[in-house]
Amino acid sequence: MSDSISSSLSIIADATSAPSVARSQGAGKAYQSVAQSAAIAVQDAADYLRNIETISSTAQGVALAQLLATGDAQYVQVLEQAQKMAVQAASAFRDVGSNAADVLKGFPTE
């Protein structure tokens, strides 16, 4: 019985400590780490986009109120700039997402 247990343990040890298993597990762990980093980058970009959208919509609301109150055309420029800011933030978000996906696609999994 003892020989059979020793033999089984030896087979398991050989199977789990083989270089190919270690490489495969290492590659999997590395891929998971890179995937998590990419996800965090996308989350950060989403937070940035959300914050810029808040600032942009607030600026637009104030500028529109001032435009209606005063009729001063300078507030039209403020509206345009606030809209551009939101568009640029959306573009940055798209770029971060695309770049994160490209990194993951190019990362070896084995």
Protein backbone atom coordinates (compact mmCIF):
# COMPACT_ATOMS: atom_id res chain seq x y z
CA MET A 1 0.00 0.00 0.00
CA SER A 2 2.81 2.38 0.91
CA ASP A 3 4.55 1.73 -2.42
CA SER A 4 1.35 2.46 -4.28
CA ILE A 5 0.90 5.78 -2.44
CA SER A 6 4.53 6.72 -3.02
CA SER A 7 4.22 5.80 -6.66
CA SER A 8 1.05 7.90 -7.01
CA LEU A 9 2.64 10.86 -5.29
CA SER A 10 5.69 10.56 -7.52
CA ILE A 11 3.53 10.52 -10.65
CA ILE A 12 1.58 13.58 -9.44
CA ALA A 13 4.77 15.44 -8.54
CA ASP A 14 6.30 14.67 -11.93
CA ALA A 15 3.15 15.79 -13.75
CA THR A 16 2.74 19.05 -11.86
CA SER A 17 6.38 20.08 -11.76
CA ALA A 18 7.16 19.35 -15.39
CA PRO A 19 8.74 22.35 -17.18
CA SER A 20 5.84 22.51 -19.67
CA VAL A 21 3.34 22.78 -16.80
CA ALA A 22 5.35 25.52 -15.11
CA ARG A 23 5.62 27.45 -18.42
CA SER A 24 1.92 27.08 -19.10
CA GLN A 25 0.92 28.17 -15.60
CA GLY A 26 3.40 31.05 -15.70
CA ALA A 27 2.06 32.26 -19.04
CA GLY A 28 -1.49 32.02 -17.74
CA LYS A 29 -0.66 34.02 -14.63
CA ALA A 30 1.19 36.63 -16.68
CA TYR A 31 -1.77 36.93 -19.07
CA GLN A 32 -4.17 37.37 -16.15
CA SER A 33 -1.97 40.08 -14.70
CA VAL A 34 -1.80 41.94 -18.02
CA ALA A 35 -5.56 41.51 -18.51
CA GLN A 36 -6.21 42.94 -15.05
CA SER A 37 -3.92 45.90 -15.76
CA ALA A 38 -5.72 46.52 -19.05
CA ALA A 39 -9.08 46.40 -17.30
CA ILE A 40 -7.89 48.91 -14.71
CA ALA A 41 -6.67 51.22 -17.49
CA VAL A 42 -10.09 51.04 -19.15
CA GLN A 43 -11.81 51.69 -15.82
CA ASP A 44 -9.58 54.72 -15.24
CA ALA A 45 -10.39 55.99 -18.73
CA ALA A 46 -14.11 55.52 -18.02
CA ASP A 47 -13.74 57.52 -14.79
CA TYR A 48 -11.92 60.26 -16.71
CA LEU A 49 -14.65 60.31 -19.36
CA ARG A 50 -17.37 60.50 -16.70
CA ASN A 51 -15.59 63.37 -14.94
CA ILE A 52 -15.03 65.30 -18.16
CA GLU A 53 -18.67 64.77 -19.15
CA THR A 54 -19.74 66.22 -15.80
CA ILE A 55 -17.46 69.24 -16.19
CA SER A 56 -18.52 69.72 -19.81
CA SER A 57 -22.24 69.57 -19.11
CA THR A 58 -21.87 71.91 -16.15
CA ALA A 59 -19.88 74.40 -18.24
CA GLN A 60 -22.46 74.15 -21.02
CA GLY A 61 -25.31 74.80 -18.59
CA VAL A 62 -23.60 77.85 -17.12
CA ALA A 63 -22.62 79.18 -20.55
CA LEU A 64 -26.13 78.70 -21.91
CA ALA A 65 -27.63 80.46 -18.90
CA GLN A 66 -25.20 83.35 -19.37
CA LEU A 67 -25.90 83.48 -23.11
CA LEU A 68 -29.64 83.66 -22.49
CA ALA A 69 -29.21 86.24 -19.74
CA THR A 70 -26.76 88.53 -21.53
CA GLY A 71 -26.92 87.68 -25.23
CA ASP A 72 -23.10 87.88 -25.27
CA ALA A 73 -21.71 85.76 -28.11
CA GLN A 74 -18.60 84.81 -26.12
CA TYR A 75 -20.70 82.15 -24.40
CA VAL A 76 -21.23 80.39 -27.72
CA GLN A 77 -17.47 79.80 -27.80
CA VAL A 78 -17.63 78.38 -24.28
CA LEU A 79 -20.40 76.01 -25.38
CA GLU A 80 -18.34 74.88 -28.37
CA GLN A 81 -15.21 74.34 -26.28
CA ALA A 82 -17.12 72.35 -23.66
CA GLN A 83 -18.56 70.13 -26.38
CA LYS A 84 -15.11 69.63 -27.93
CA MET A 85 -13.75 68.68 -24.52
CA ALA A 86 -16.38 65.94 -24.20
CA VAL A 87 -15.68 64.64 -27.72
CA GLN A 88 -11.93 64.52 -27.02
CA ALA A 89 -12.51 62.62 -23.77
CA ALA A 90 -14.69 60.08 -25.61
CA SER A 91 -11.94 59.68 -28.21
CA ALA A 92 -9.35 59.14 -25.48
CA PHE A 93 -11.60 56.50 -23.89
CA ARG A 94 -11.95 54.72 -27.24
CA ASP A 95 -8.16 54.84 -27.76
CA VAL A 96 -7.44 53.39 -24.31
CA GLY A 97 -9.95 50.60 -24.88
CA SER A 98 -8.55 49.77 -28.32
CA ASN A 99 -4.98 49.84 -27.07
CA ALA A 100 -5.81 47.63 -24.10
CA ALA A 101 -7.49 45.12 -26.42
CA ASP A 102 -4.49 45.17 -28.76
CA VAL A 103 -2.11 44.50 -25.90
CA LEU A 104 -4.16 41.51 -24.81
CA LYS A 105 -4.48 40.15 -28.34
CA GLY A 106 -0.73 40.32 -28.78
CA PHE A 107 0.13 38.82 -25.41
CA PRO A 108 1.09 35.11 -25.49
CA THR A 109 -1.19 32.83 -23.50
CA GLU A 110 1.07 29.77 -23.59
